[in-house]
Amino acid sequence: MNNPKHLELTFNLVCNFFHLDQDEVKGRSRKTEFKEARFYFFWLCRTYYTGQNRLSLQFIGNYVGRDHATVLNGWRKVVDWRGTN
């Protein structure tokens, strides 16, 4: 079930946590603060929306204007940073 409300809530949470403007995080900037916020957004979506609520990589990426490979790469980066699966 790909529910855009899940993405909106998670994205708001990440932007508020990092004290960043949503448009800047969704933008094309590769500045570390925006990139890391996006990566944590990807990680949260892939880690906590499972089972019936699982979100596809493409669906997550489309929300921030990225492709599925970027989502997967960002998720893997956060897993590496955290030292977890």
PDB file of N, CA and C in Angstrom:
ATOM      1  N   MET A   1       0.853  -1.181   0.000  1.00  0.00           N
ATOM      2  CA  MET A   1       0.000   0.000   0.000  1.00  0.00           C
ATOM      3  C   MET A   1       0.893   1.238   0.000  1.00  0.00           C
ATOM      4  N   ASN A   2       0.920   1.938  -1.087  1.00  0.00           N
ATOM      5  CA  ASN A   2       1.718   3.159  -1.174  1.00  0.00           C
ATOM      6  C   ASN A   2       0.851   4.353  -0.815  1.00  0.00           C
ATOM      7  N   ASN A   3       0.987   4.814   0.405  1.00  0.00           N
ATOM      8  CA  ASN A   3       0.166   5.888   0.933  1.00  0.00           C
ATOM      9  C   ASN A   3       1.002   7.168   1.029  1.00  0.00           C
ATOM     10  N   PRO A   4       0.654   8.199   0.256  1.00  0.00           N
ATOM     11  CA  PRO A   4       1.430   9.438   0.291  1.00  0.00           C
ATOM     12  C   PRO A   4       1.410  10.117   1.657  1.00  0.00           C
ATOM     13  N   LYS A   5       0.392   9.840   2.462  1.00  0.00           N
ATOM     14  CA  LYS A   5       0.317  10.440   3.798  1.00  0.00           C
ATOM     15  C   LYS A   5       1.485   9.962   4.658  1.00  0.00           C
ATOM     16  N   HIS A   6       1.863   8.681   4.499  1.00  0.00           N
ATOM     17  CA  HIS A   6       3.022   8.163   5.225  1.00  0.00           C
ATOM     18  C   HIS A   6       4.272   8.960   4.873  1.00  0.00           C
ATOM     19  N   LEU A   7       4.449   9.206   3.599  1.00  0.00           N
ATOM     20  CA  LEU A   7       5.631   9.941   3.149  1.00  0.00           C
ATOM     21  C   LEU A   7       5.625  11.368   3.673  1.00  0.00           C
ATOM     22  N   GLU A   8       4.494  12.006   3.605  1.00  0.00           N
ATOM     23  CA  GLU A   8       4.393  13.392   4.057  1.00  0.00           C
ATOM     24  C   GLU A   8       4.741  13.511   5.538  1.00  0.00           C
ATOM     25  N   LEU A   9       4.191  12.630   6.355  1.00  0.00           N
ATOM     26  CA  LEU A   9       4.473  12.670   7.792  1.00  0.00           C
ATOM     27  C   LEU A   9       5.947  12.404   8.081  1.00  0.00           C
ATOM     28  N   THR A  10       6.506  11.420   7.424  1.00  0.00           N
ATOM     29  CA  THR A  10       7.905  11.077   7.635  1.00  0.00           C
ATOM     30  C   THR A  10       8.818  12.202   7.151  1.00  0.00           C
ATOM     31  N   PHE A  11       8.502  12.767   6.000  1.00  0.00           N
ATOM     32  CA  PHE A  11       9.310  13.853   5.455  1.00  0.00           C
ATOM     33  C   PHE A  11       9.277  15.071   6.376  1.00  0.00           C
ATOM     34  N   ASN A  12       8.105  15.409   6.891  1.00  0.00           N
ATOM     35  CA  ASN A  12       7.995  16.528   7.832  1.00  0.00           C
ATOM     36  C   ASN A  12       8.831  16.271   9.080  1.00  0.00           C
ATOM     37  N   LEU A  13       8.787  15.053   9.588  1.00  0.00           N
ATOM     38  CA  LEU A  13       9.560  14.680  10.761  1.00  0.00           C
ATOM     39  C   LEU A  13      11.056  14.886  10.519  1.00  0.00           C
ATOM     40  N   VAL A  14      11.546  14.404   9.392  1.00  0.00           N
ATOM     41  CA  VAL A  14      12.968  14.519   9.066  1.00  0.00           C
ATOM     42  C   VAL A  14      13.374  15.986   8.908  1.00  0.00           C
ATOM     43  N   CYS A  15      12.595  16.750   8.182  1.00  0.00           N
ATOM     44  CA  CYS A  15      12.938  18.166   7.972  1.00  0.00           C
ATOM     45  C   CYS A  15      12.931  18.934   9.289  1.00  0.00           C
ATOM     46  N   ASN A  16      11.962  18.649  10.144  1.00  0.00           N
ATOM     47  CA  ASN A  16      11.920  19.312  11.451  1.00  0.00           C
ATOM     48  C   ASN A  16      13.109  18.904  12.311  1.00  0.00           C
ATOM     49  N   PHE A  17      13.458  17.630  12.294  1.00  0.00           N
ATOM     50  CA  PHE A  17      14.585  17.148  13.093  1.00  0.00           C
ATOM     51  C   PHE A  17      15.884  17.829  12.674  1.00  0.00           C
ATOM     52  N   PHE A  18      16.115  17.942  11.378  1.00  0.00           N
ATOM     53  CA  PHE A  18      17.337  18.540  10.857  1.00  0.00           C
ATOM     54  C   PHE A  18      17.249  20.067  10.718  1.00  0.00           C
ATOM     55  N   HIS A  19      16.083  20.650  11.033  1.00  0.00           N
ATOM     56  CA  HIS A  19      15.858  22.099  10.928  1.00  0.00           C
ATOM     57  C   HIS A  19      16.141  22.596   9.521  1.00  0.00           C
ATOM     58  N   LEU A  20      15.575  21.896   8.530  1.00  0.00           N
ATOM     59  CA  LEU A  20      15.787  22.241   7.125  1.00  0.00           C
ATOM     60  C   LEU A  20      14.465  22.525   6.440  1.00  0.00           C
ATOM     61  N   ASP A  21      14.521  23.383   5.435  1.00  0.00           N
ATOM     62  CA  ASP A  21      13.360  23.708   4.618  1.00  0.00           C
ATOM     63  C   ASP A  21      13.036  22.525   3.700  1.00  0.00           C
ATOM     64  N   GLN A  22      11.770  22.172   3.622  1.00  0.00           N
ATOM     65  CA  GLN A  22      11.357  21.019   2.821  1.00  0.00           C
ATOM     66  C   GLN A  22      11.721  21.173   1.350  1.00  0.00           C
ATOM     67  N   ASP A  23      11.555  22.356   0.806  1.00  0.00           N
ATOM     68  CA  ASP A  23      11.885  22.569  -0.607  1.00  0.00           C
ATOM     69  C   ASP A  23      13.370  22.381  -0.872  1.00  0.00           C
ATOM     70  N   GLU A  24      14.204  22.772   0.079  1.00  0.00           N
ATOM     71  CA  GLU A  24      15.637  22.586  -0.096  1.00  0.00           C
ATOM     72  C   GLU A  24      16.023  21.111  -0.035  1.00  0.00           C
ATOM     73  N   VAL A  25      15.375  20.360   0.837  1.00  0.00           N
ATOM     74  CA  VAL A  25      15.672  18.929   0.941  1.00  0.00           C
ATOM     75  C   VAL A  25      15.203  18.207  -0.319  1.00  0.00           C
ATOM     76  N   LYS A  26      14.081  18.631  -0.881  1.00  0.00           N
ATOM     77  CA  LYS A  26      13.585  18.034  -2.120  1.00  0.00           C
ATOM     78  C   LYS A  26      14.339  18.538  -3.347  1.00  0.00           C
ATOM     79  N   GLY A  27      15.097  19.596  -3.187  1.00  0.00           N
ATOM     80  CA  GLY A  27      15.794  20.215  -4.308  1.00  0.00           C
ATOM     81  C   GLY A  27      16.956  19.382  -4.824  1.00  0.00           C
ATOM     82  N   ARG A  28      17.680  19.934  -5.770  1.00  0.00           N
ATOM     83  CA  ARG A  28      18.771  19.218  -6.432  1.00  0.00           C
ATOM     84  C   ARG A  28      20.111  19.344  -5.710  1.00  0.00           C
ATOM     85  N   SER A  29      20.168  20.103  -4.633  1.00  0.00           N
ATOM     86  CA  SER A  29      21.430  20.333  -3.938  1.00  0.00           C
ATOM     87  C   SER A  29      22.028  19.030  -3.408  1.00  0.00           C
ATOM     88  N   ARG A  30      23.361  18.947  -3.524  1.00  0.00           N
ATOM     89  CA  ARG A  30      24.069  17.796  -2.963  1.00  0.00           C
ATOM     90  C   ARG A  30      24.849  18.192  -1.715  1.00  0.00           C
ATOM     91  N   LYS A  31      24.494  19.340  -1.134  1.00  0.00           N
ATOM     92  CA  LYS A  31      25.125  19.754   0.116  1.00  0.00           C
ATOM     93  C   LYS A  31      24.865  18.667   1.166  1.00  0.00           C
ATOM     94  N   THR A  32      25.843  18.455   2.002  1.00  0.00           N
ATOM     95  CA  THR A  32      25.791  17.359   2.968  1.00  0.00           C
ATOM     96  C   THR A  32      24.525  17.380   3.813  1.00  0.00           C
ATOM     97  N   GLU A  33      24.140  18.537   4.327  1.00  0.00           N
ATOM     98  CA  GLU A  33      22.980  18.578   5.222  1.00  0.00           C
ATOM     99  C   GLU A  33      21.687  18.156   4.515  1.00  0.00           C
ATOM    100  N   PHE A  34      21.534  18.525   3.257  1.00  0.00           N
ATOM    101  CA  PHE A  34      20.323  18.141   2.520  1.00  0.00           C
ATOM    102  C   PHE A  34      20.379  16.672   2.107  1.00  0.00           C
ATOM    103  N   LYS A  35      21.545  16.260   1.671  1.00  0.00           N
ATOM    104  CA  LYS A  35      21.719  14.873   1.235  1.00  0.00           C
ATOM    105  C   LYS A  35      21.493  13.909   2.400  1.00  0.00           C
ATOM    106  N   GLU A  36      22.078  14.214   3.555  1.00  0.00           N
ATOM    107  CA  GLU A  36      21.915  13.331   4.701  1.00  0.00           C
ATOM    108  C   GLU A  36      20.466  13.289   5.176  1.00  0.00           C
ATOM    109  N   ALA A  37      19.777  14.410   5.138  1.00  0.00           N
ATOM    110  CA  ALA A  37      18.360  14.415   5.518  1.00  0.00           C
ATOM    111  C   ALA A  37      17.554  13.521   4.577  1.00  0.00           C
ATOM    112  N   ARG A  38      17.820  13.635   3.277  1.00  0.00           N
ATOM    113  CA  ARG A  38      17.138  12.763   2.310  1.00  0.00           C
ATOM    114  C   ARG A  38      17.439  11.306   2.592  1.00  0.00           C
ATOM    115  N   PHE A  39      18.704  10.991   2.870  1.00  0.00           N
ATOM    116  CA  PHE A  39      19.086   9.608   3.135  1.00  0.00           C
ATOM    117  C   PHE A  39      18.371   9.069   4.369  1.00  0.00           C
ATOM    118  N   TYR A  40      18.259   9.863   5.417  1.00  0.00           N
ATOM    119  CA  TYR A  40      17.529   9.411   6.606  1.00  0.00           C
ATOM    120  C   TYR A  40      16.037   9.251   6.304  1.00  0.00           C
ATOM    121  N   PHE A  41      15.507  10.101   5.461  1.00  0.00           N
ATOM    122  CA  PHE A  41      14.115   9.940   5.023  1.00  0.00           C
ATOM    123  C   PHE A  41      13.951   8.596   4.318  1.00  0.00           C
ATOM    124  N   PHE A  42      14.865   8.275   3.407  1.00  0.00           N
ATOM    125  CA  PHE A  42      14.814   6.986   2.706  1.00  0.00           C
ATOM    126  C   PHE A  42      14.903   5.832   3.701  1.00  0.00           C
ATOM    127  N   TRP A  43      15.816   5.951   4.655  1.00  0.00           N
ATOM    128  CA  TRP A  43      16.023   4.890   5.635  1.00  0.00           C
ATOM    129  C   TRP A  43      14.765   4.669   6.480  1.00  0.00           C
ATOM    130  N   LEU A  44      14.178   5.762   6.947  1.00  0.00           N
ATOM    131  CA  LEU A  44      12.965   5.633   7.748  1.00  0.00           C
ATOM    132  C   LEU A  44      11.838   4.974   6.959  1.00  0.00           C
ATOM    133  N   CYS A  45      11.667   5.394   5.716  1.00  0.00           N
ATOM    134  CA  CYS A  45      10.600   4.817   4.890  1.00  0.00           C
ATOM    135  C   CYS A  45      10.811   3.331   4.641  1.00  0.00           C
ATOM    136  N   ARG A  46      12.033   2.924   4.372  1.00  0.00           N
ATOM    137  CA  ARG A  46      12.319   1.506   4.085  1.00  0.00           C
ATOM    138  C   ARG A  46      12.329   0.657   5.353  1.00  0.00           C
ATOM    139  N   THR A  47      12.701   1.239   6.484  1.00  0.00           N
ATOM    140  CA  THR A  47      12.852   0.477   7.713  1.00  0.00           C
ATOM    141  C   THR A  47      11.530   0.312   8.454  1.00  0.00           C
ATOM    142  N   TYR A  48      10.729   1.351   8.509  1.00  0.00           N
ATOM    143  CA  TYR A  48       9.545   1.313   9.356  1.00  0.00           C
ATOM    144  C   TYR A  48       8.230   1.066   8.635  1.00  0.00           C
ATOM    145  N   TYR A  49       8.202   1.234   7.333  1.00  0.00           N
ATOM    146  CA  TYR A  49       6.982   0.914   6.584  1.00  0.00           C
ATOM    147  C   TYR A  49       7.188  -0.446   5.932  1.00  0.00           C
ATOM    148  N   THR A  50       6.767  -1.479   6.637  1.00  0.00           N
ATOM    149  CA  THR A  50       6.961  -2.854   6.170  1.00  0.00           C
ATOM    150  C   THR A  50       5.611  -3.557   6.094  1.00  0.00           C
ATOM    151  N   GLY A  51       5.627  -4.770   5.615  1.00  0.00           N
ATOM    152  CA  GLY A  51       4.395  -5.546   5.505  1.00  0.00           C
ATOM    153  C   GLY A  51       3.429  -4.887   4.546  1.00  0.00           C
ATOM    154  N   GLN A  52       2.185  -4.733   4.969  1.00  0.00           N
ATOM    155  CA  GLN A  52       1.159  -4.123   4.118  1.00  0.00           C
ATOM    156  C   GLN A  52       1.451  -2.664   3.824  1.00  0.00           C
ATOM    157  N   ASN A  53       2.180  -2.020   4.690  1.00  0.00           N
ATOM    158  CA  ASN A  53       2.478  -0.591   4.510  1.00  0.00           C
ATOM    159  C   ASN A  53       3.782  -0.343   3.763  1.00  0.00           C
ATOM    160  N   ARG A  54       4.399  -1.392   3.242  1.00  0.00           N
ATOM    161  CA  ARG A  54       5.693  -1.262   2.545  1.00  0.00           C
ATOM    162  C   ARG A  54       5.584  -0.286   1.372  1.00  0.00           C
ATOM    163  N   LEU A  55       6.566   0.586   1.289  1.00  0.00           N
ATOM    164  CA  LEU A  55       6.617   1.579   0.217  1.00  0.00           C
ATOM    165  C   LEU A  55       7.680   1.171  -0.786  1.00  0.00           C
ATOM    166  N   SER A  56       7.378   1.259  -2.061  1.00  0.00           N
ATOM    167  CA  SER A  56       8.352   0.885  -3.081  1.00  0.00           C
ATOM    168  C   SER A  56       9.454   1.943  -3.159  1.00  0.00           C
ATOM    169  N   LEU A  57      10.628   1.515  -3.624  1.00  0.00           N
ATOM    170  CA  LEU A  57      11.739   2.445  -3.797  1.00  0.00           C
ATOM    171  C   LEU A  57      11.362   3.572  -4.749  1.00  0.00           C
ATOM    172  N   GLN A  58      10.675   3.216  -5.812  1.00  0.00           N
ATOM    173  CA  GLN A  58      10.272   4.216  -6.800  1.00  0.00           C
ATOM    174  C   GLN A  58       9.295   5.223  -6.195  1.00  0.00           C
ATOM    175  N   PHE A  59       8.357   4.737  -5.393  1.00  0.00           N
ATOM    176  CA  PHE A  59       7.366   5.611  -4.765  1.00  0.00           C
ATOM    177  C   PHE A  59       8.044   6.597  -3.818  1.00  0.00           C
ATOM    178  N   ILE A  60       8.981   6.098  -3.015  1.00  0.00           N
ATOM    179  CA  ILE A  60       9.719   6.960  -2.089  1.00  0.00           C
ATOM    180  C   ILE A  60      10.530   7.990  -2.874  1.00  0.00           C
ATOM    181  N   GLY A  61      11.243   7.527  -3.887  1.00  0.00           N
ATOM    182  CA  GLY A  61      12.070   8.425  -4.689  1.00  0.00           C
ATOM    183  C   GLY A  61      11.278   9.500  -5.397  1.00  0.00           C
ATOM    184  N   ASN A  62      10.138   9.126  -5.932  1.00  0.00           N
ATOM    185  CA  ASN A  62       9.293  10.102  -6.633  1.00  0.00           C
ATOM    186  C   ASN A  62       8.878  11.247  -5.719  1.00  0.00           C
ATOM    187  N   TYR A  63       8.726  10.961  -4.434  1.00  0.00           N
ATOM    188  CA  TYR A  63       8.292  12.001  -3.490  1.00  0.00           C
ATOM    189  C   TYR A  63       9.311  13.132  -3.394  1.00  0.00           C
ATOM    190  N   VAL A  64      10.592  12.801  -3.537  1.00  0.00           N
ATOM    191  CA  VAL A  64      11.639  13.830  -3.435  1.00  0.00           C
ATOM    192  C   VAL A  64      12.360  14.054  -4.762  1.00  0.00           C
ATOM    193  N   GLY A  65      11.788  13.556  -5.848  1.00  0.00           N
ATOM    194  CA  GLY A  65      12.358  13.794  -7.167  1.00  0.00           C
ATOM    195  C   GLY A  65      13.620  13.004  -7.451  1.00  0.00           C
ATOM    196  N   ARG A  66      13.712  11.800  -6.891  1.00  0.00           N
ATOM    197  CA  ARG A  66      14.873  10.940  -7.105  1.00  0.00           C
ATOM    198  C   ARG A  66      14.409   9.600  -7.666  1.00  0.00           C
ATOM    199  N   ASP A  67      15.348   8.811  -8.175  1.00  0.00           N
ATOM    200  CA  ASP A  67      14.976   7.498  -8.695  1.00  0.00           C
ATOM    201  C   ASP A  67      15.185   6.411  -7.638  1.00  0.00           C
ATOM    202  N   HIS A  68      14.763   5.213  -7.965  1.00  0.00           N
ATOM    203  CA  HIS A  68      14.818   4.110  -7.004  1.00  0.00           C
ATOM    204  C   HIS A  68      16.252   3.773  -6.593  1.00  0.00           C
ATOM    205  N   ALA A  69      17.209   3.922  -7.503  1.00  0.00           N
ATOM    206  CA  ALA A  69      18.601   3.608  -7.186  1.00  0.00           C
ATOM    207  C   ALA A  69      19.162   4.570  -6.141  1.00  0.00           C
ATOM    208  N   THR A  70      18.757   5.820  -6.209  1.00  0.00           N
ATOM    209  CA  THR A  70      19.196   6.809  -5.230  1.00  0.00           C
ATOM    210  C   THR A  70      18.642   6.469  -3.857  1.00  0.00           C
ATOM    211  N   VAL A  71      17.389   6.029  -3.818  1.00  0.00           N
ATOM    212  CA  VAL A  71      16.768   5.636  -2.544  1.00  0.00           C
ATOM    213  C   VAL A  71      17.537   4.462  -1.941  1.00  0.00           C
ATOM    214  N   LEU A  72      17.808   3.465  -2.740  1.00  0.00           N
ATOM    215  CA  LEU A  72      18.522   2.288  -2.255  1.00  0.00           C
ATOM    216  C   LEU A  72      19.923   2.659  -1.777  1.00  0.00           C
ATOM    217  N   ASN A  73      20.624   3.494  -2.535  1.00  0.00           N
ATOM    218  CA  ASN A  73      21.959   3.938  -2.142  1.00  0.00           C
ATOM    219  C   ASN A  73      21.907   4.713  -0.823  1.00  0.00           C
ATOM    220  N   GLY A  74      20.947   5.621  -0.693  1.00  0.00           N
ATOM    221  CA  GLY A  74      20.809   6.402   0.539  1.00  0.00           C
ATOM    222  C   GLY A  74      20.487   5.528   1.735  1.00  0.00           C
ATOM    223  N   TRP A  75      19.611   4.563   1.538  1.00  0.00           N
ATOM    224  CA  TRP A  75      19.260   3.629   2.621  1.00  0.00           C
ATOM    225  C   TRP A  75      20.497   2.857   3.067  1.00  0.00           C
ATOM    226  N   ARG A  76      21.286   2.380   2.104  1.00  0.00           N
ATOM    227  CA  ARG A  76      22.498   1.628   2.424  1.00  0.00           C
ATOM    228  C   ARG A  76      23.512   2.488   3.175  1.00  0.00           C
ATOM    229  N   LYS A  77      23.625   3.758   2.796  1.00  0.00           N
ATOM    230  CA  LYS A  77      24.553   4.666   3.480  1.00  0.00           C
ATOM    231  C   LYS A  77      24.187   4.789   4.956  1.00  0.00           C
ATOM    232  N   VAL A  78      22.908   4.986   5.232  1.00  0.00           N
ATOM    233  CA  VAL A  78      22.472   5.143   6.626  1.00  0.00           C
ATOM    234  C   VAL A  78      22.682   3.837   7.391  1.00  0.00           C
ATOM    235  N   VAL A  79      22.406   2.713   6.765  1.00  0.00           N
ATOM    236  CA  VAL A  79      22.667   1.424   7.411  1.00  0.00           C
ATOM    237  C   VAL A  79      24.138   1.316   7.775  1.00  0.00           C
ATOM    238  N   ASP A  80      25.023   1.719   6.874  1.00  0.00           N
ATOM    239  CA  ASP A  80      26.461   1.697   7.150  1.00  0.00           C
ATOM    240  C   ASP A  80      26.814   2.645   8.292  1.00  0.00           C
ATOM    241  N   TRP A  81      26.274   3.878   8.259  1.00  0.00           N
ATOM    242  CA  TRP A  81      26.553   4.846   9.311  1.00  0.00           C
ATOM    243  C   TRP A  81      26.118   4.338  10.677  1.00  0.00           C
ATOM    244  N   ARG A  82      24.949   3.711  10.694  1.00  0.00           N
ATOM    245  CA  ARG A  82      24.390   3.221  11.956  1.00  0.00           C
ATOM    246  C   ARG A  82      24.979   1.882  12.370  1.00  0.00           C
ATOM    247  N   GLY A  83      25.582   1.185  11.448  1.00  0.00           N
ATOM    248  CA  GLY A  83      26.124  -0.129  11.740  1.00  0.00           C
ATOM    249  C   GLY A  83      25.056  -1.165  12.006  1.00  0.00           C
ATOM    250  N   THR A  84      23.893  -0.971  11.333  1.00  0.00           N
ATOM    251  CA  THR A  84      22.752  -1.874  11.530  1.00  0.00           C
ATOM    252  C   THR A  84      22.212  -2.333  10.200  1.00  0.00           C
ATOM    253  N   ASN A  85      21.309  -3.307  10.240  1.00  0.00           N
ATOM    254  CA  ASN A  85      20.583  -3.728   9.054  1.00  0.00           C
ATOM    255  C   ASN A  85      19.304  -2.985   9.048  1.00  0.00           C
TER     256      ASN A  85
END
